[in-house]
Amino acid sequence: MYSELVNLPPFVLTAAQAILSLSMCLCLFRIWKGPSIMDRVVALDLIAALIMGQFILLVLESGFMAYLDAAAAIAIISFLATVAFARYLENEKIAK
């Protein structure tokens, strides 16, 4: 299965990277301009997912499998950060 994915035309990987980069820019705009803290948290979570997508595209482009470990680490850290933000916001509502 991996050998079939490596034979992708280069423009497909380049187009996918461009789309992910544009999505990251739009998420950065949402973080900067977000009307609420929850919008910013969701945008941060989406940026982590987009970065994982970039790492997976790097694996397809270069064949260097260590990028998958980096993507898994980002997934774990992103999940823990989202849970921490949710707990923080929950405690702030209780304190008010």
PDB file of N, CA and C in Angstrom:
ATOM      1  N   MET A   1       0.823  -1.193   0.000  1.00  0.00           N
ATOM      2  CA  MET A   1       0.000   0.000   0.000  1.00  0.00           C
ATOM      3  C   MET A   1       0.868   1.258   0.000  1.00  0.00           C
ATOM      4  N   TYR A   2       1.959   1.243   0.752  1.00  0.00           N
ATOM      5  CA  TYR A   2       2.810   2.420   0.830  1.00  0.00           C
ATOM      6  C   TYR A   2       3.432   2.721  -0.529  1.00  0.00           C
ATOM      7  N   SER A   3       3.795   1.680  -1.287  1.00  0.00           N
ATOM      8  CA  SER A   3       4.412   1.915  -2.587  1.00  0.00           C
ATOM      9  C   SER A   3       3.439   2.577  -3.558  1.00  0.00           C
ATOM     10  N   GLU A   4       2.136   2.335  -3.410  1.00  0.00           N
ATOM     11  CA  GLU A   4       1.159   2.995  -4.268  1.00  0.00           C
ATOM     12  C   GLU A   4       1.073   4.484  -3.957  1.00  0.00           C
ATOM     13  N   LEU A   5       1.213   4.855  -2.706  1.00  0.00           N
ATOM     14  CA  LEU A   5       1.122   6.264  -2.324  1.00  0.00           C
ATOM     15  C   LEU A   5       2.362   7.046  -2.725  1.00  0.00           C
ATOM     16  N   VAL A   6       3.498   6.382  -2.792  1.00  0.00           N
ATOM     17  CA  VAL A   6       4.730   7.076  -3.150  1.00  0.00           C
ATOM     18  C   VAL A   6       4.701   7.505  -4.608  1.00  0.00           C
ATOM     19  N   ASN A   7       3.952   6.818  -5.447  1.00  0.00           N
ATOM     20  CA  ASN A   7       3.903   7.127  -6.869  1.00  0.00           C
ATOM     21  C   ASN A   7       2.938   8.259  -7.208  1.00  0.00           C
ATOM     22  N   LEU A   8       2.553   9.038  -6.227  1.00  0.00           N
ATOM     23  CA  LEU A   8       1.698  10.196  -6.492  1.00  0.00           C
ATOM     24  C   LEU A   8       2.481  11.227  -7.297  1.00  0.00           C
ATOM     25  N   PRO A   9       1.814  11.927  -8.196  1.00  0.00           N
ATOM     26  CA  PRO A   9       2.500  13.009  -8.913  1.00  0.00           C
ATOM     27  C   PRO A   9       2.913  14.107  -7.931  1.00  0.00           C
ATOM     28  N   PRO A  10       4.038  14.729  -8.180  1.00  0.00           N
ATOM     29  CA  PRO A  10       4.524  15.764  -7.231  1.00  0.00           C
ATOM     30  C   PRO A  10       3.555  16.925  -7.052  1.00  0.00           C
ATOM     31  N   PHE A  11       2.802  17.274  -8.083  1.00  0.00           N
ATOM     32  CA  PHE A  11       1.891  18.417  -7.952  1.00  0.00           C
ATOM     33  C   PHE A  11       0.759  18.132  -6.970  1.00  0.00           C
ATOM     34  N   VAL A  12       0.423  16.868  -6.759  1.00  0.00           N
ATOM     35  CA  VAL A  12      -0.630  16.529  -5.806  1.00  0.00           C
ATOM     36  C   VAL A  12      -0.162  16.845  -4.387  1.00  0.00           C
ATOM     37  N   LEU A  13       1.068  16.443  -4.071  1.00  0.00           N
ATOM     38  CA  LEU A  13       1.607  16.736  -2.737  1.00  0.00           C
ATOM     39  C   LEU A  13       1.791  18.237  -2.535  1.00  0.00           C
ATOM     40  N   THR A  14       2.243  18.922  -3.571  1.00  0.00           N
ATOM     41  CA  THR A  14       2.429  20.375  -3.475  1.00  0.00           C
ATOM     42  C   THR A  14       1.084  21.077  -3.279  1.00  0.00           C
ATOM     43  N   ALA A  15       0.074  20.642  -4.006  1.00  0.00           N
ATOM     44  CA  ALA A  15      -1.252  21.249  -3.857  1.00  0.00           C
ATOM     45  C   ALA A  15      -1.812  20.983  -2.465  1.00  0.00           C
ATOM     46  N   ALA A  16      -1.621  19.771  -1.952  1.00  0.00           N
ATOM     47  CA  ALA A  16      -2.102  19.454  -0.605  1.00  0.00           C
ATOM     48  C   ALA A  16      -1.390  20.298   0.443  1.00  0.00           C
ATOM     49  N   GLN A  17      -0.084  20.486   0.287  1.00  0.00           N
ATOM     50  CA  GLN A  17       0.647  21.331   1.236  1.00  0.00           C
ATOM     51  C   GLN A  17       0.181  22.774   1.160  1.00  0.00           C
ATOM     52  N   ALA A  18      -0.113  23.248  -0.039  1.00  0.00           N
ATOM     53  CA  ALA A  18      -0.604  24.623  -0.183  1.00  0.00           C
ATOM     54  C   ALA A  18      -1.970  24.795   0.472  1.00  0.00           C
ATOM     55  N   ILE A  19      -2.840  23.817   0.302  1.00  0.00           N
ATOM     56  CA  ILE A  19      -4.172  23.887   0.917  1.00  0.00           C
ATOM     57  C   ILE A  19      -4.064  23.871   2.437  1.00  0.00           C
ATOM     58  N   LEU A  20      -3.197  23.005   2.966  1.00  0.00           N
ATOM     59  CA  LEU A  20      -3.006  22.965   4.417  1.00  0.00           C
ATOM     60  C   LEU A  20      -2.407  24.268   4.934  1.00  0.00           C
ATOM     61  N   SER A  21      -1.486  24.852   4.187  1.00  0.00           N
ATOM     62  CA  SER A  21      -0.887  26.125   4.602  1.00  0.00           C
ATOM     63  C   SER A  21      -1.919  27.245   4.609  1.00  0.00           C
ATOM     64  N   LEU A  22      -2.768  27.289   3.587  1.00  0.00           N
ATOM     65  CA  LEU A  22      -3.828  28.293   3.558  1.00  0.00           C
ATOM     66  C   LEU A  22      -4.789  28.107   4.732  1.00  0.00           C
ATOM     67  N   SER A  23      -5.100  26.860   5.048  1.00  0.00           N
ATOM     68  CA  SER A  23      -5.974  26.584   6.191  1.00  0.00           C
ATOM     69  C   SER A  23      -5.339  27.042   7.492  1.00  0.00           C
ATOM     70  N   MET A  24      -4.030  26.863   7.617  1.00  0.00           N
ATOM     71  CA  MET A  24      -3.336  27.337   8.818  1.00  0.00           C
ATOM     72  C   MET A  24      -3.402  28.848   8.932  1.00  0.00           C
ATOM     73  N   CYS A  25      -3.259  29.543   7.807  1.00  0.00           N
ATOM     74  CA  CYS A  25      -3.355  31.004   7.838  1.00  0.00           C
ATOM     75  C   CYS A  25      -4.743  31.460   8.275  1.00  0.00           C
ATOM     76  N   LEU A  26      -5.772  30.770   7.787  1.00  0.00           N
ATOM     77  CA  LEU A  26      -7.135  31.119   8.193  1.00  0.00           C
ATOM     78  C   LEU A  26      -7.363  30.835   9.684  1.00  0.00           C
ATOM     79  N   CYS A  27      -6.757  29.772  10.194  1.00  0.00           N
ATOM     80  CA  CYS A  27      -6.872  29.476  11.623  1.00  0.00           C
ATOM     81  C   CYS A  27      -6.140  30.517  12.462  1.00  0.00           C
ATOM     82  N   LEU A  28      -4.985  30.962  11.976  1.00  0.00           N
ATOM     83  CA  LEU A  28      -4.264  32.014  12.693  1.00  0.00           C
ATOM     84  C   LEU A  28      -5.093  33.297  12.747  1.00  0.00           C
ATOM     85  N   PHE A  29      -5.798  33.586  11.661  1.00  0.00           N
ATOM     86  CA  PHE A  29      -6.689  34.744  11.666  1.00  0.00           C
ATOM     87  C   PHE A  29      -7.790  34.574  12.716  1.00  0.00           C
ATOM     88  N   ARG A  30      -8.342  33.359  12.832  1.00  0.00           N
ATOM     89  CA  ARG A  30      -9.392  33.106  13.819  1.00  0.00           C
ATOM     90  C   ARG A  30      -8.844  33.240  15.237  1.00  0.00           C
ATOM     91  N   ILE A  31      -7.606  32.821  15.447  1.00  0.00           N
ATOM     92  CA  ILE A  31      -6.998  32.977  16.774  1.00  0.00           C
ATOM     93  C   ILE A  31      -6.826  34.457  17.088  1.00  0.00           C
ATOM     94  N   TRP A  32      -6.386  35.212  16.101  1.00  0.00           N
ATOM     95  CA  TRP A  32      -6.134  36.630  16.319  1.00  0.00           C
ATOM     96  C   TRP A  32      -7.435  37.409  16.487  1.00  0.00           C
ATOM     97  N   LYS A  33      -8.463  37.068  15.723  1.00  0.00           N
ATOM     98  CA  LYS A  33      -9.673  37.862  15.678  1.00  0.00           C
ATOM     99  C   LYS A  33     -10.863  37.191  16.363  1.00  0.00           C
ATOM    100  N   GLY A  34     -10.675  35.977  16.905  1.00  0.00           N
ATOM    101  CA  GLY A  34     -11.789  35.200  17.450  1.00  0.00           C
ATOM    102  C   GLY A  34     -12.636  35.962  18.440  1.00  0.00           C
ATOM    103  N   PRO A  35     -13.952  35.848  18.313  1.00  0.00           N
ATOM    104  CA  PRO A  35     -14.809  36.590  19.233  1.00  0.00           C
ATOM    105  C   PRO A  35     -14.792  36.027  20.656  1.00  0.00           C
ATOM    106  N   SER A  36     -14.492  34.744  20.812  1.00  0.00           N
ATOM    107  CA  SER A  36     -14.488  34.185  22.163  1.00  0.00           C
ATOM    108  C   SER A  36     -13.266  33.283  22.347  1.00  0.00           C
ATOM    109  N   ILE A  37     -13.021  32.946  23.580  1.00  0.00           N
ATOM    110  CA  ILE A  37     -11.879  32.085  23.895  1.00  0.00           C
ATOM    111  C   ILE A  37     -12.097  30.674  23.346  1.00  0.00           C
ATOM    112  N   MET A  38     -13.348  30.243  23.284  1.00  0.00           N
ATOM    113  CA  MET A  38     -13.621  28.904  22.750  1.00  0.00           C
ATOM    114  C   MET A  38     -13.278  28.818  21.264  1.00  0.00           C
ATOM    115  N   ASP A  39     -13.545  29.893  20.511  1.00  0.00           N
ATOM    116  CA  ASP A  39     -13.163  29.910  19.100  1.00  0.00           C
ATOM    117  C   ASP A  39     -11.651  29.790  18.948  1.00  0.00           C
ATOM    118  N   ARG A  40     -10.932  30.454  19.825  1.00  0.00           N
ATOM    119  CA  ARG A  40      -9.473  30.391  19.767  1.00  0.00           C
ATOM    120  C   ARG A  40      -8.958  28.996  20.116  1.00  0.00           C
ATOM    121  N   VAL A  41      -9.570  28.344  21.087  1.00  0.00           N
ATOM    122  CA  VAL A  41      -9.162  26.989  21.466  1.00  0.00           C
ATOM    123  C   VAL A  41      -9.413  26.011  20.324  1.00  0.00           C
ATOM    124  N   VAL A  42     -10.553  26.135  19.677  1.00  0.00           N
ATOM    125  CA  VAL A  42     -10.865  25.254  18.547  1.00  0.00           C
ATOM    126  C   VAL A  42      -9.895  25.507  17.398  1.00  0.00           C
ATOM    127  N   ALA A  43      -9.556  26.763  17.154  1.00  0.00           N
ATOM    128  CA  ALA A  43      -8.598  27.076  16.089  1.00  0.00           C
ATOM    129  C   ALA A  43      -7.213  26.513  16.407  1.00  0.00           C
ATOM    130  N   LEU A  44      -6.797  26.578  17.671  1.00  0.00           N
ATOM    131  CA  LEU A  44      -5.516  25.980  18.053  1.00  0.00           C
ATOM    132  C   LEU A  44      -5.524  24.471  17.851  1.00  0.00           C
ATOM    133  N   ASP A  45      -6.625  23.841  18.179  1.00  0.00           N
ATOM    134  CA  ASP A  45      -6.741  22.399  17.979  1.00  0.00           C
ATOM    135  C   ASP A  45      -6.697  22.054  16.492  1.00  0.00           C
ATOM    136  N   LEU A  46      -7.339  22.869  15.682  1.00  0.00           N
ATOM    137  CA  LEU A  46      -7.317  22.642  14.241  1.00  0.00           C
ATOM    138  C   LEU A  46      -5.916  22.862  13.661  1.00  0.00           C
ATOM    139  N   ILE A  47      -5.192  23.832  14.168  1.00  0.00           N
ATOM    140  CA  ILE A  47      -3.816  24.044  13.704  1.00  0.00           C
ATOM    141  C   ILE A  47      -2.957  22.829  14.014  1.00  0.00           C
ATOM    142  N   ALA A  48      -3.145  22.236  15.175  1.00  0.00           N
ATOM    143  CA  ALA A  48      -2.387  21.020  15.506  1.00  0.00           C
ATOM    144  C   ALA A  48      -2.718  19.897  14.528  1.00  0.00           C
ATOM    145  N   ALA A  49      -3.987  19.761  14.170  1.00  0.00           N
ATOM    146  CA  ALA A  49      -4.377  18.730  13.202  1.00  0.00           C
ATOM    147  C   ALA A  49      -3.785  19.016  11.824  1.00  0.00           C
ATOM    148  N   LEU A  50      -3.737  20.278  11.445  1.00  0.00           N
ATOM    149  CA  LEU A  50      -3.158  20.634  10.151  1.00  0.00           C
ATOM    150  C   LEU A  50      -1.647  20.393  10.131  1.00  0.00           C
ATOM    151  N   ILE A  51      -0.987  20.639  11.243  1.00  0.00           N
ATOM    152  CA  ILE A  51       0.440  20.352  11.329  1.00  0.00           C
ATOM    153  C   ILE A  51       0.683  18.853  11.217  1.00  0.00           C
ATOM    154  N   MET A  52      -0.185  18.064  11.835  1.00  0.00           N
ATOM    155  CA  MET A  52      -0.061  16.608  11.684  1.00  0.00           C
ATOM    156  C   MET A  52      -0.230  16.207  10.222  1.00  0.00           C
ATOM    157  N   GLY A  53      -1.144  16.842   9.527  1.00  0.00           N
ATOM    158  CA  GLY A  53      -1.318  16.577   8.103  1.00  0.00           C
ATOM    159  C   GLY A  53      -0.089  16.932   7.297  1.00  0.00           C
ATOM    160  N   GLN A  54       0.561  18.035   7.662  1.00  0.00           N
ATOM    161  CA  GLN A  54       1.803  18.413   6.979  1.00  0.00           C
ATOM    162  C   GLN A  54       2.889  17.359   7.202  1.00  0.00           C
ATOM    163  N   PHE A  55       2.972  16.844   8.421  1.00  0.00           N
ATOM    164  CA  PHE A  55       3.966  15.804   8.699  1.00  0.00           C
ATOM    165  C   PHE A  55       3.675  14.538   7.892  1.00  0.00           C
ATOM    166  N   ILE A  56       2.409  14.197   7.757  1.00  0.00           N
ATOM    167  CA  ILE A  56       2.067  13.004   6.979  1.00  0.00           C
ATOM    168  C   ILE A  56       2.402  13.216   5.506  1.00  0.00           C
ATOM    169  N   LEU A  57       2.184  14.419   5.009  1.00  0.00           N
ATOM    170  CA  LEU A  57       2.595  14.703   3.636  1.00  0.00           C
ATOM    171  C   LEU A  57       4.111  14.631   3.480  1.00  0.00           C
ATOM    172  N   LEU A  58       4.838  15.044   4.507  1.00  0.00           N
ATOM    173  CA  LEU A  58       6.294  14.911   4.456  1.00  0.00           C
ATOM    174  C   LEU A  58       6.723  13.450   4.403  1.00  0.00           C
ATOM    175  N   VAL A  59       5.997  12.592   5.101  1.00  0.00           N
ATOM    176  CA  VAL A  59       6.303  11.154   5.037  1.00  0.00           C
ATOM    177  C   VAL A  59       6.079  10.643   3.620  1.00  0.00           C
ATOM    178  N   LEU A  60       4.985  11.049   3.003  1.00  0.00           N
ATOM    179  CA  LEU A  60       4.710  10.601   1.645  1.00  0.00           C
ATOM    180  C   LEU A  60       5.735  11.135   0.649  1.00  0.00           C
ATOM    181  N   GLU A  61       6.216  12.350   0.906  1.00  0.00           N
ATOM    182  CA  GLU A  61       7.162  12.967  -0.016  1.00  0.00           C
ATOM    183  C   GLU A  61       8.575  12.409   0.147  1.00  0.00           C
ATOM    184  N   SER A  62       9.000  12.250   1.400  1.00  0.00           N
ATOM    185  CA  SER A  62      10.389  11.861   1.635  1.00  0.00           C
ATOM    186  C   SER A  62      10.572  10.386   1.981  1.00  0.00           C
ATOM    187  N   GLY A  63       9.534   9.754   2.520  1.00  0.00           N
ATOM    188  CA  GLY A  63       9.655   8.360   2.942  1.00  0.00           C
ATOM    189  C   GLY A  63      10.297   8.200   4.308  1.00  0.00           C
ATOM    190  N   PHE A  64      10.592   9.298   4.987  1.00  0.00           N
ATOM    191  CA  PHE A  64      11.218   9.269   6.311  1.00  0.00           C
ATOM    192  C   PHE A  64      10.121   9.066   7.357  1.00  0.00           C
ATOM    193  N   MET A  65      10.070   7.869   7.921  1.00  0.00           N
ATOM    194  CA  MET A  65       8.949   7.480   8.782  1.00  0.00           C
ATOM    195  C   MET A  65       8.969   8.127  10.171  1.00  0.00           C
ATOM    196  N   ALA A  66      10.053   8.769  10.550  1.00  0.00           N
ATOM    197  CA  ALA A  66      10.118   9.402  11.866  1.00  0.00           C
ATOM    198  C   ALA A  66       9.140  10.568  11.984  1.00  0.00           C
ATOM    199  N   TYR A  67       8.717  11.107  10.850  1.00  0.00           N
ATOM    200  CA  TYR A  67       7.728  12.182  10.898  1.00  0.00           C
ATOM    201  C   TYR A  67       6.396  11.688  11.469  1.00  0.00           C
ATOM    202  N   LEU A  68       6.112  10.414  11.313  1.00  0.00           N
ATOM    203  CA  LEU A  68       4.890   9.861  11.896  1.00  0.00           C
ATOM    204  C   LEU A  68       4.950   9.884  13.418  1.00  0.00           C
ATOM    205  N   ASP A  69       6.137   9.655  13.973  1.00  0.00           N
ATOM    206  CA  ASP A  69       6.289   9.763  15.426  1.00  0.00           C
ATOM    207  C   ASP A  69       6.036  11.195  15.898  1.00  0.00           C
ATOM    208  N   ALA A  70       6.532  12.156  15.129  1.00  0.00           N
ATOM    209  CA  ALA A  70       6.296  13.558  15.477  1.00  0.00           C
ATOM    210  C   ALA A  70       4.811  13.895  15.400  1.00  0.00           C
ATOM    211  N   ALA A  71       4.129  13.370  14.392  1.00  0.00           N
ATOM    212  CA  ALA A  71       2.686  13.616  14.262  1.00  0.00           C
ATOM    213  C   ALA A  71       1.924  13.003  15.436  1.00  0.00           C
ATOM    214  N   ALA A  72       2.338  11.814  15.868  1.00  0.00           N
ATOM    215  CA  ALA A  72       1.679  11.182  17.019  1.00  0.00           C
ATOM    216  C   ALA A  72       1.924  11.988  18.295  1.00  0.00           C
ATOM    217  N   ALA A  73       3.129  12.496  18.456  1.00  0.00           N
ATOM    218  CA  ALA A  73       3.434  13.319  19.633  1.00  0.00           C
ATOM    219  C   ALA A  73       2.603  14.598  19.634  1.00  0.00           C
ATOM    220  N   ILE A  74       2.456  15.214  18.483  1.00  0.00           N
ATOM    221  CA  ILE A  74       1.636  16.422  18.393  1.00  0.00           C
ATOM    222  C   ILE A  74       0.182  16.105  18.713  1.00  0.00           C
ATOM    223  N   ALA A  75      -0.307  14.950  18.273  1.00  0.00           N
ATOM    224  CA  ALA A  75      -1.690  14.554  18.570  1.00  0.00           C
ATOM    225  C   ALA A  75      -1.906  14.414  20.068  1.00  0.00           C
ATOM    226  N   ILE A  76      -0.964  13.785  20.750  1.00  0.00           N
ATOM    227  CA  ILE A  76      -1.094  13.596  22.204  1.00  0.00           C
ATOM    228  C   ILE A  76      -1.042  14.935  22.924  1.00  0.00           C
ATOM    229  N   ILE A  77      -0.087  15.776  22.560  1.00  0.00           N
ATOM    230  CA  ILE A  77       0.048  17.076  23.213  1.00  0.00           C
ATOM    231  C   ILE A  77      -1.180  17.940  22.937  1.00  0.00           C
ATOM    232  N   SER A  78      -1.681  17.897  21.724  1.00  0.00           N
ATOM    233  CA  SER A  78      -2.872  18.679  21.370  1.00  0.00           C
ATOM    234  C   SER A  78      -4.084  18.228  22.174  1.00  0.00           C
ATOM    235  N   PHE A  79      -4.251  16.929  22.316  1.00  0.00           N
ATOM    236  CA  PHE A  79      -5.380  16.426  23.099  1.00  0.00           C
ATOM    237  C   PHE A  79      -5.277  16.880  24.553  1.00  0.00           C
ATOM    238  N   LEU A  80      -4.093  16.755  25.134  1.00  0.00           N
ATOM    239  CA  LEU A  80      -3.921  17.167  26.527  1.00  0.00           C
ATOM    240  C   LEU A  80      -4.126  18.666  26.706  1.00  0.00           C
ATOM    241  N   ALA A  81      -3.674  19.454  25.734  1.00  0.00           N
ATOM    242  CA  ALA A  81      -3.862  20.906  25.825  1.00  0.00           C
ATOM    243  C   ALA A  81      -5.334  21.277  25.716  1.00  0.00           C
ATOM    244  N   THR A  82      -6.067  20.600  24.863  1.00  0.00           N
ATOM    245  CA  THR A  82      -7.494  20.885  24.729  1.00  0.00           C
ATOM    246  C   THR A  82      -8.246  20.525  26.005  1.00  0.00           C
ATOM    247  N   VAL A  83      -7.898  19.403  26.597  1.00  0.00           N
ATOM    248  CA  VAL A  83      -8.530  19.011  27.864  1.00  0.00           C
ATOM    249  C   VAL A  83      -8.182  20.016  28.959  1.00  0.00           C
ATOM    250  N   ALA A  84      -6.936  20.473  28.992  1.00  0.00           N
ATOM    251  CA  ALA A  84      -6.532  21.453  29.999  1.00  0.00           C
ATOM    252  C   ALA A  84      -7.282  22.771  29.820  1.00  0.00           C
ATOM    253  N   PHE A  85      -7.417  23.238  28.579  1.00  0.00           N
ATOM    254  CA  PHE A  85      -8.187  24.463  28.327  1.00  0.00           C
ATOM    255  C   PHE A  85      -9.631  24.301  28.757  1.00  0.00           C
ATOM    256  N   ALA A  86     -10.226  23.152  28.461  1.00  0.00           N
ATOM    257  CA  ALA A  86     -11.623  22.919  28.838  1.00  0.00           C
ATOM    258  C   ALA A  86     -11.784  22.916  30.354  1.00  0.00           C
ATOM    259  N   ARG A  87     -10.856  22.274  31.054  1.00  0.00           N
ATOM    260  CA  ARG A  87     -10.922  22.267  32.525  1.00  0.00           C
ATOM    261  C   ARG A  87     -10.756  23.675  33.088  1.00  0.00           C
ATOM    262  N   TYR A  88      -9.838  24.440  32.510  1.00  0.00           N
ATOM    263  CA  TYR A  88      -9.612  25.801  32.962  1.00  0.00           C
ATOM    264  C   TYR A  88     -10.872  26.646  32.778  1.00  0.00           C
ATOM    265  N   LEU A  89     -11.484  26.546  31.605  1.00  0.00           N
ATOM    266  CA  LEU A  89     -12.689  27.330  31.348  1.00  0.00           C
ATOM    267  C   LEU A  89     -13.844  26.877  32.228  1.00  0.00           C
ATOM    268  N   GLU A  90     -13.928  25.577  32.489  1.00  0.00           N
ATOM    269  CA  GLU A  90     -14.970  25.057  33.377  1.00  0.00           C
ATOM    270  C   GLU A  90     -14.792  25.608  34.787  1.00  0.00           C
ATOM    271  N   ASN A  91     -13.562  25.620  35.289  1.00  0.00           N
ATOM    272  CA  ASN A  91     -13.293  26.140  36.628  1.00  0.00           C
ATOM    273  C   ASN A  91     -13.525  27.635  36.706  1.00  0.00           C
ATOM    274  N   GLU A  92     -13.270  28.346  35.626  1.00  0.00           N
ATOM    275  CA  GLU A  92     -13.519  29.790  35.647  1.00  0.00           C
ATOM    276  C   GLU A  92     -15.014  30.095  35.722  1.00  0.00           C
ATOM    277  N   LYS A  93     -15.834  29.283  35.066  1.00  0.00           N
ATOM    278  CA  LYS A  93     -17.281  29.481  35.143  1.00  0.00           C
ATOM    279  C   LYS A  93     -17.790  29.201  36.540  1.00  0.00           C
ATOM    280  N   ILE A  94     -17.217  28.198  37.216  1.00  0.00           N
ATOM    281  CA  ILE A  94     -17.627  27.871  38.583  1.00  0.00           C
ATOM    282  C   ILE A  94     -17.228  29.001  39.532  1.00  0.00           C
ATOM    283  N   ALA A  95     -16.053  29.602  39.323  1.00  0.00           N
ATOM    284  CA  ALA A  95     -15.560  30.643  40.209  1.00  0.00           C
ATOM    285  C   ALA A  95     -16.393  31.925  40.086  1.00  0.00           C
ATOM    286  N   LYS A  96     -17.036  32.155  38.975  1.00  0.00           N
ATOM    287  CA  LYS A  96     -17.801  33.399  38.790  1.00  0.00           C
ATOM    288  C   LYS A  96     -19.120  33.357  39.439  1.00  0.00           C
TER     289      LYS A  96
END
